[in-house]
Protein backbone atom coordinates (compact mmCIF):
# COMPACT_ATOMS: atom_id res chain seq x y z
CA MET A 1 -78.13 28.52 -26.72
CA GLN A 2 -75.50 25.73 -26.32
CA SER A 3 -76.17 22.24 -26.46
CA LYS A 4 -75.38 19.85 -23.85
CA PRO A 5 -72.61 17.62 -24.39
CA LYS A 6 -73.42 14.12 -25.26
CA THR A 7 -72.99 11.43 -22.61
CA TRP A 8 -72.46 7.97 -23.21
CA SER A 9 -73.73 5.05 -20.96
CA LEU A 10 -73.44 1.46 -21.47
CA THR A 11 -76.58 -0.72 -22.02
CA THR A 12 -77.15 -3.46 -19.75
CA GLU A 13 -76.19 -6.04 -22.36
CA GLU A 14 -72.72 -4.29 -22.75
CA THR A 15 -71.98 -4.47 -19.05
CA ASN A 16 -73.23 -7.97 -18.78
CA LEU A 17 -70.16 -9.48 -21.21
CA PRO A 18 -68.60 -12.39 -20.03
CA SER A 19 -65.06 -12.00 -18.74
CA PRO A 20 -62.40 -14.04 -20.22
CA PRO A 21 -61.45 -17.19 -18.49
CA LEU A 22 -58.87 -17.05 -15.31
CA GLU A 23 -56.14 -18.82 -17.39
CA MET A 24 -56.36 -16.19 -20.14
CA ASN A 25 -56.05 -13.41 -17.64
CA ARG A 26 -52.99 -15.24 -16.46
CA GLN A 27 -51.24 -15.59 -19.70
CA ILE A 28 -51.73 -11.81 -20.71
CA ILE A 29 -50.26 -10.78 -17.56
CA GLU A 30 -47.31 -12.91 -17.96
CA ARG A 31 -46.91 -11.64 -21.38
CA VAL A 32 -47.13 -7.89 -20.29
CA GLU A 33 -44.40 -8.93 -17.68
CA ASP A 34 -42.13 -10.25 -20.47
CA TYR A 35 -42.45 -7.26 -22.46
CA LYS A 36 -41.67 -5.13 -19.13
CA PHE A 37 -38.59 -7.32 -18.41
CA LEU A 38 -37.44 -7.12 -22.13
CA GLY A 39 -37.91 -3.23 -22.05
CA THR A 40 -35.59 -3.02 -18.86
CA ILE A 41 -33.02 -4.99 -20.68
CA ILE A 42 -32.92 -3.11 -23.94
CA GLY A 43 -33.38 0.31 -22.12
CA ASN A 44 -30.31 -0.29 -20.16
CA LYS A 45 -28.13 -1.29 -22.68
CA ASN A 46 -28.60 2.40 -24.11
CA LYS A 47 -28.15 3.97 -20.86
CA MET A 48 -24.65 5.17 -19.30
CA ASN A 49 -24.00 3.87 -15.74
CA VAL A 50 -23.82 7.01 -13.97
CA GLY A 51 -21.08 6.72 -10.99
CA VAL A 52 -19.55 3.75 -12.92
CA ALA A 53 -18.40 5.21 -16.31
CA HIS A 54 -15.26 7.34 -16.27
CA SER A 55 -15.84 10.81 -17.81
CA GLU A 56 -12.13 10.99 -19.47
CA VAL A 57 -11.67 11.36 -22.88
CA ASN A 58 -8.30 9.59 -22.26
CA PRO A 59 -8.09 7.54 -19.17
CA ASN A 60 -4.32 7.53 -19.34
CA THR A 61 -4.03 11.02 -18.32
CA ARG A 62 -5.42 10.37 -14.67
CA VAL A 63 -4.29 6.81 -14.22
CA MET A 64 -1.20 7.63 -12.30
CA ASN A 65 -3.30 9.81 -9.76
CA SER A 66 -5.87 6.84 -9.07
CA ARG A 67 -6.42 5.66 -5.35
CA GLY A 68 -3.56 3.68 -4.23
CA ILE A 69 -1.43 3.73 -7.35
CA TRP A 70 1.60 5.04 -5.81
CA LEU A 71 1.63 2.63 -2.95
CA THR A 72 1.10 -0.19 -5.47
CA TYR A 73 4.27 1.02 -7.58
CA ALA A 74 6.28 1.22 -4.25
CA LEU A 75 5.08 -2.28 -3.23
CA GLY A 76 6.14 -3.44 -6.68
CA VAL A 77 9.90 -2.30 -6.52
CA GLY A 78 9.88 -3.58 -2.84
CA MET A 79 8.85 -7.12 -3.87
CA LEU A 80 11.25 -6.76 -6.86
CA HIS A 81 14.21 -5.91 -4.32
CA ILE A 82 13.25 -9.07 -2.29
CA VAL A 83 12.81 -11.37 -4.95
CA LEU A 84 16.32 -10.25 -6.28
CA LEU A 85 17.58 -10.93 -2.63
CA SER A 86 16.36 -14.22 -2.28
CA ILE A 87 18.47 -15.48 -5.09
CA PRO A 88 21.63 -16.90 -3.14
CA PHE A 89 24.47 -16.22 -5.56
CA PHE A 90 23.70 -12.25 -5.71
CA SER A 91 25.46 -9.88 -3.14
CA VAL A 92 23.69 -7.01 -1.66
CA PRO A 93 25.45 -4.51 -3.88
CA VAL A 94 24.70 -6.41 -7.01
CA VAL A 95 21.01 -6.79 -5.98
CA TRP A 96 20.69 -3.16 -5.14
CA THR A 97 22.21 -2.24 -8.71
CA LEU A 98 19.83 -4.70 -10.42
CA THR A 99 16.83 -3.38 -8.81
CA ASN A 100 17.48 0.10 -9.91
CA VAL A 101 18.33 -1.03 -13.56
CA ILE A 102 15.45 -3.03 -13.91
CA HIS A 103 13.24 -0.73 -12.31
CA ASN A 104 14.51 2.15 -14.60
CA PHE A 105 14.30 -0.18 -17.74
CA GLY A 106 10.68 -0.86 -17.14
CA MET A 107 9.89 2.85 -16.17
CA TYR A 108 11.44 4.07 -19.38
CA VAL A 109 9.73 1.27 -21.62
CA PHE A 110 5.95 2.18 -20.17
CA MET A 111 6.50 5.80 -19.61
CA HIS A 112 8.93 7.01 -22.36
CA ALA A 113 9.10 4.54 -25.19
CA VAL A 114 5.37 3.11 -25.69
CA LYS A 115 3.13 5.43 -27.36
CA GLY A 116 -0.88 5.75 -27.87
CA THR A 117 -3.22 4.22 -25.22
CA PRO A 118 -5.00 0.65 -24.87
CA PHE A 119 -8.35 2.53 -25.00
CA GLU A 120 -10.45 3.94 -27.90
CA THR A 121 -10.50 7.61 -27.48
CA PRO A 122 -12.21 10.26 -29.36
CA ASP A 123 -9.21 12.76 -29.70
CA GLN A 124 -8.72 11.93 -33.46
CA GLY A 125 -5.58 10.13 -32.97
CA LYS A 126 -3.57 12.85 -30.70
CA ALA A 127 -2.58 10.65 -28.03
CA ARG A 128 -1.37 7.75 -30.57
CA LEU A 129 1.71 9.93 -31.15
CA LEU A 130 2.54 10.64 -27.28
CA THR A 131 4.15 8.47 -24.61
CA HIS A 132 2.43 7.63 -21.40
CA TRP A 133 4.56 10.64 -19.74
CA GLU A 134 3.50 13.14 -22.22
CA GLN A 135 -0.33 12.22 -22.00
CA LEU A 136 -0.02 12.04 -18.24
CA ASP A 137 -2.04 14.86 -16.45
CA TYR A 138 -2.65 16.30 -20.04
CA GLY A 139 0.93 17.65 -20.58
CA VAL A 140 0.80 19.68 -17.47
CA GLN A 141 4.22 20.19 -15.93
CA PHE A 142 5.18 19.57 -12.15
CA THR A 143 2.11 17.94 -10.89
CA SER A 144 2.06 15.96 -8.07
CA SER A 145 2.30 12.49 -9.98
CA ARG A 146 5.08 13.97 -12.11
CA LYS A 147 7.03 14.88 -9.27
CA PHE A 148 6.56 11.41 -7.40
CA PHE A 149 7.31 9.58 -10.56
CA THR A 150 10.53 12.01 -11.09
CA ILE A 151 11.56 11.74 -7.38
CA SER A 152 11.28 8.02 -6.90
CA PRO A 153 13.98 6.73 -9.42
CA ILE A 154 16.33 9.39 -7.65
CA ILE A 155 15.67 7.77 -4.16
CA LEU A 156 16.20 4.79 -5.67
CA TYR A 157 19.40 5.78 -6.97
CA PHE A 158 20.63 7.18 -3.78
CA LEU A 159 19.65 4.03 -2.05
CA ALA A 160 21.77 2.06 -4.55
CA SER A 161 24.81 4.10 -4.47
CA PHE A 162 24.70 4.02 -0.79
CA TYR A 163 24.60 0.14 -0.49
CA THR A 164 27.06 -0.45 -3.08
CA LYS A 165 29.31 1.92 -1.09
CA TYR A 166 30.05 4.00 -4.20
CA ASP A 167 32.04 1.62 -6.03
CA THR A 168 32.96 2.79 -9.31
CA THR A 169 31.29 0.34 -11.48
CA HIS A 170 28.29 0.26 -9.85
CA PHE A 171 28.20 4.04 -9.63
CA VAL A 172 28.66 4.46 -13.40
CA ILE A 173 25.92 1.86 -14.39
CA ASN A 174 23.40 3.53 -11.65
CA THR A 175 24.08 6.80 -13.07
CA ALA A 176 23.80 5.89 -16.69
CA SER A 177 20.44 3.94 -15.69
CA LEU A 178 19.17 7.16 -13.80
CA LEU A 179 19.66 9.35 -16.81
CA SER A 180 18.07 7.39 -18.83
CA VAL A 181 14.72 7.98 -17.12
CA LEU A 182 15.33 11.32 -16.03
CA ILE A 183 16.25 13.22 -19.32
CA PRO A 184 13.10 12.11 -20.95
CA LYS A 185 11.18 13.76 -18.14
CA LEU A 186 12.49 17.12 -18.67
CA PRO A 187 9.71 19.85 -19.65
CA GLN A 188 12.04 21.06 -22.49
CA LEU A 189 11.75 17.33 -24.22
CA HIS A 190 8.15 17.22 -24.01
CA GLY A 191 6.98 15.87 -27.45
CA VAL A 192 10.88 16.13 -29.01
CA ARG A 193 12.10 12.96 -30.53
CA ILE A 194 15.93 13.22 -30.78
CA PHE A 195 17.42 12.13 -34.36
CA GLY A 196 13.63 11.12 -34.96
CA ILE A 197 13.91 8.26 -32.76
CA ASN A 198 10.28 6.78 -31.99
CA LYS A 199 8.76 9.71 -34.06
CA TYR A 200 5.93 7.18 -35.31
């Protein structure tokens, strides 16, 4: 025969305990709220902001595919040209050649000379030895961003050649400037350091 489970009941003395004063209740509630607030702050430090943080190991690989980057780039080149045009002692052919040369110099430095990333990447230093162009789209050739940044200096070269009326001096300078940014973009030169230049 099974025994009935023991039931507990409070005596009248236990139920008639005096309740804590109202001020003490307020202090307890405030303290609990403070702990909850601190808990959310500490808890949020260890959580990733979903939808805000990027999932790229190396953001350099996708930055040129970001929304508006191509338009910003084109507007920057246009602004450079307008600023040079506003200088009174520069003729139109000189301005076009200067726009082309400055643009190609900037492109060469930022895409083909500077190596590594401004971000801390968990790739064990692989990106440290690669230029921005070599990191672009994870090194995949002929993507839309690579095509855009290959065609844009060519278009600028054609415009500069047309507005300089194919003057020999301007033509030589513009051609040399164009080749300085087109040759490093060739797929055959991916990761190649000619004569060990910029190897480290």
